Amino acid sequence: MHQVDYSQAALIMLSIIKKQPNSTKEKIIDSAIKSLYLDYFAAAEALTLLANRHLIHISENKSEVEYTVLGKPVNRLNITPEGSAVLKALGNTLPAQVLDFISTLSEHEQKERKLTARYFQTGDQNFTVRLQQKDLDQIIIYLELNVPTEKMAREICNNWQINATEIYGTIFHLLLPQDN
């Protein structure tokens, strides 16, 4: 982990939000941690600073499909015009390694848009997991599972991200009769 000051942490967070618009706070912080330049606390503090200075906008979408464990819609983060101006003026002062990492975020984001795995708690202490694979705008596979624990829901989501192609192939193979 590198030592960064508040202004550099804020620039890193602005860059990540610009590359991953309409993402959740958790996703943005996770991306910041993966940069290896920020830890959780520095990333969270930078988000607070950016929000207080009106460089990012935190909102709750009316048609939100993703919920917190408490059943509330997640908040989405976007960069404001003021934030874009700051990033345009100072973004080139970030270390080359950070800029390289941020440029890879859009490639990773495209993959995630094709493959989604989300879970939320239902009222009866169970969790519903929604898994989906898309090709452009066509849904290739959509699975919804109910599981008894959050740990199971998280594991299913993680395994879907890693093994979706294999899972889809296995299901397809089992559902279609084989020509012998």
Protein backbone atom coordinates (compact mmCIF):
# COMPACT_ATOMS: atom_id res chain seq x y z
CA MET A 1 0.00 0.00 0.00
CA HIS A 2 1.42 3.40 -0.95
CA GLN A 3 1.15 6.49 1.22
CA VAL A 4 -1.08 9.08 -0.44
CA ASP A 5 -2.32 12.43 0.75
CA TYR A 6 -5.99 13.43 0.85
CA SER A 7 -5.91 15.32 -2.43
CA GLN A 8 -4.32 12.39 -4.27
CA ALA A 9 -6.79 9.96 -2.68
CA ALA A 10 -9.65 12.20 -3.79
CA LEU A 11 -8.28 12.31 -7.36
CA ILE A 12 -7.98 8.53 -7.43
CA MET A 13 -11.57 8.20 -6.23
CA LEU A 14 -12.80 10.76 -8.79
CA SER A 15 -11.01 8.83 -11.55
CA ILE A 16 -12.58 5.55 -10.47
CA ILE A 17 -16.07 7.07 -10.26
CA LYS A 18 -15.66 8.57 -13.73
CA LYS A 19 -14.67 5.14 -15.12
CA GLN A 20 -17.44 3.33 -13.23
CA PRO A 21 -20.42 5.70 -13.32
CA ASN A 22 -23.56 4.84 -11.38
CA SER A 23 -21.69 2.31 -9.22
CA THR A 24 -22.27 1.64 -5.55
CA LYS A 25 -20.05 3.05 -2.82
CA GLU A 26 -18.90 -0.47 -2.02
CA LYS A 27 -17.88 -1.15 -5.61
CA ILE A 28 -15.98 2.13 -5.85
CA ILE A 29 -14.14 1.47 -2.58
CA ASP A 30 -13.37 -2.08 -3.69
CA SER A 31 -11.85 -0.74 -6.92
CA ALA A 32 -9.81 1.79 -4.95
CA ILE A 33 -8.42 -0.95 -2.71
CA LYS A 34 -7.52 -3.04 -5.77
CA SER A 35 -5.43 -0.11 -7.01
CA LEU A 36 -3.09 -0.83 -4.06
CA TYR A 37 -2.80 2.93 -3.48
CA LEU A 38 -5.67 3.26 -1.00
CA ASP A 39 -6.92 1.26 1.92
CA TYR A 40 -10.57 1.12 2.96
CA PHE A 41 -10.34 4.04 5.39
CA ALA A 42 -8.56 6.37 2.98
CA ALA A 43 -11.06 5.53 0.24
CA ALA A 44 -14.08 6.07 2.51
CA GLU A 45 -12.67 9.34 3.82
CA ALA A 46 -11.96 10.53 0.27
CA LEU A 47 -15.59 9.78 -0.72
CA THR A 48 -16.84 11.82 2.23
CA LEU A 49 -14.56 14.71 1.24
CA LEU A 50 -15.72 14.54 -2.39
CA ALA A 51 -19.39 14.50 -1.39
CA ASN A 52 -18.95 17.42 1.02
CA ARG A 53 -17.22 19.45 -1.70
CA HIS A 54 -19.97 18.56 -4.22
CA LEU A 55 -17.50 16.86 -6.55
CA ILE A 56 -19.58 13.68 -6.57
CA HIS A 57 -23.31 13.10 -6.33
CA ILE A 58 -24.73 10.25 -4.23
CA SER A 59 -28.27 9.26 -5.15
CA GLU A 60 -30.86 6.55 -4.71
CA ASN A 61 -32.46 5.50 -7.98
CA LYS A 62 -36.25 5.14 -7.94
CA SER A 63 -36.16 1.89 -9.92
CA GLU A 64 -33.23 0.35 -8.02
CA VAL A 65 -32.99 -3.43 -8.27
CA GLU A 66 -30.11 -3.89 -5.85
CA TYR A 67 -30.69 -3.65 -2.10
CA THR A 68 -28.56 -3.59 1.01
CA VAL A 69 -28.77 -6.36 3.59
CA LEU A 70 -31.15 -4.10 5.51
CA GLY A 71 -33.53 -4.04 2.53
CA LYS A 72 -32.84 -0.44 1.51
CA PRO A 73 -31.99 0.50 -2.10
CA VAL A 74 -28.25 1.03 -2.62
CA ASN A 75 -26.90 4.50 -3.33
CA ARG A 76 -25.19 5.22 -6.65
CA LEU A 77 -22.21 7.53 -7.13
CA ASN A 78 -21.57 9.82 -10.07
CA ILE A 79 -19.11 12.61 -10.73
CA THR A 80 -20.50 16.16 -10.89
CA PRO A 81 -19.47 18.76 -13.51
CA GLU A 82 -17.29 20.38 -10.81
CA GLY A 83 -15.66 17.01 -10.14
CA SER A 84 -15.01 16.52 -13.85
CA ALA A 85 -13.35 19.95 -14.01
CA VAL A 86 -11.08 19.10 -11.06
CA LEU A 87 -10.21 15.73 -12.57
CA LYS A 88 -9.48 17.32 -15.96
CA ALA A 89 -7.19 19.89 -14.38
CA LEU A 90 -5.34 17.60 -11.96
CA GLY A 91 -5.84 14.04 -13.21
CA ASN A 92 -2.50 13.98 -14.99
CA THR A 93 -0.71 14.41 -11.65
CA LEU A 94 -1.60 10.86 -10.60
CA PRO A 95 1.19 8.26 -10.69
CA ALA A 96 1.50 6.29 -13.92
CA GLN A 97 0.64 3.03 -12.13
CA VAL A 98 -2.66 4.49 -10.93
CA LEU A 99 -3.49 5.78 -14.40
CA ASP A 100 -2.74 2.32 -15.85
CA PHE A 101 -4.98 0.67 -13.25
CA ILE A 102 -7.81 3.12 -13.92
CA SER A 103 -7.59 2.52 -17.67
CA THR A 104 -8.17 -1.21 -17.06
CA LEU A 105 -11.32 -0.51 -15.04
CA SER A 106 -13.43 0.14 -18.13
CA GLU A 107 -12.42 -3.25 -19.60
CA HIS A 108 -13.32 -4.97 -16.33
CA GLU A 109 -16.59 -3.01 -16.16
CA GLN A 110 -17.59 -4.27 -19.61
CA LYS A 111 -17.10 -7.86 -18.45
CA GLU A 112 -19.17 -7.24 -15.33
CA ARG A 113 -21.99 -5.79 -17.37
CA LYS A 114 -22.21 -9.06 -19.26
CA LEU A 115 -22.07 -11.12 -16.07
CA THR A 116 -24.05 -10.04 -13.03
CA ALA A 117 -24.39 -11.67 -9.64
CA ARG A 118 -26.38 -9.98 -6.90
CA TYR A 119 -28.07 -11.03 -3.72
CA PHE A 120 -30.44 -9.48 -1.22
CA GLN A 121 -32.12 -10.50 1.97
CA THR A 122 -35.78 -11.41 1.85
CA GLY A 123 -38.15 -10.68 4.71
CA ASP A 124 -38.03 -14.22 6.07
CA GLN A 125 -34.28 -14.26 6.84
CA ASN A 126 -33.44 -16.03 3.57
CA PHE A 127 -31.38 -14.59 0.75
CA THR A 128 -32.27 -14.42 -2.93
CA VAL A 129 -29.41 -14.66 -5.41
CA ARG A 130 -29.83 -13.39 -8.98
CA LEU A 131 -27.34 -14.54 -11.60
CA GLN A 132 -27.39 -13.38 -15.19
CA GLN A 133 -25.30 -13.55 -18.32
CA LYS A 134 -25.98 -11.16 -21.20
CA ASP A 135 -24.65 -10.84 -24.70
CA LEU A 136 -25.27 -7.26 -25.77
CA ASP A 137 -28.91 -6.76 -24.75
CA GLN A 138 -29.93 -10.41 -25.00
CA ILE A 139 -30.18 -12.41 -21.78
CA ILE A 140 -28.41 -15.73 -22.28
CA ILE A 141 -29.19 -17.18 -18.85
CA TYR A 142 -30.98 -15.90 -15.76
CA LEU A 143 -31.06 -17.86 -12.51
CA GLU A 144 -32.72 -16.94 -9.24
CA LEU A 145 -31.94 -19.00 -6.16
CA ASN A 146 -33.05 -18.82 -2.55
CA VAL A 147 -30.47 -19.73 0.08
CA PRO A 148 -30.58 -19.70 3.89
CA THR A 149 -27.40 -17.72 4.65
CA GLU A 150 -25.59 -14.64 3.43
CA LYS A 151 -22.35 -16.62 3.28
CA MET A 152 -23.90 -19.01 0.77
CA ALA A 153 -25.26 -16.09 -1.27
CA ARG A 154 -21.82 -14.45 -1.39
CA GLU A 155 -20.12 -17.72 -2.38
CA ILE A 156 -22.63 -18.33 -5.17
CA CYS A 157 -22.09 -14.79 -6.51
CA ASN A 158 -18.29 -15.18 -6.39
CA ASN A 159 -18.39 -18.60 -8.06
CA TRP A 160 -20.71 -17.29 -10.78
CA GLN A 161 -18.20 -14.54 -11.63
CA ILE A 162 -15.42 -17.14 -11.91
CA ASN A 163 -17.25 -20.11 -13.46
CA ALA A 164 -20.27 -18.73 -15.36
CA THR A 165 -19.30 -20.21 -18.71
CA GLU A 166 -18.73 -23.65 -17.21
CA ILE A 167 -21.97 -23.49 -15.18
CA TYR A 168 -23.96 -22.44 -18.25
CA GLY A 169 -22.39 -25.21 -20.31
CA THR A 170 -23.18 -27.83 -17.68
CA ILE A 171 -26.81 -26.72 -17.36
CA PHE A 172 -27.17 -26.63 -21.16
CA HIS A 173 -25.64 -30.11 -21.45
CA LEU A 174 -27.96 -31.54 -18.77
CA LEU A 175 -31.12 -29.99 -20.26
CA LEU A 176 -30.58 -31.02 -23.88
CA PRO A 177 -30.73 -34.68 -24.94
CA GLN A 178 -27.43 -35.95 -26.28
CA ASP A 179 -27.16 -37.48 -29.73
CA ASN A 180 -25.32 -40.80 -29.49
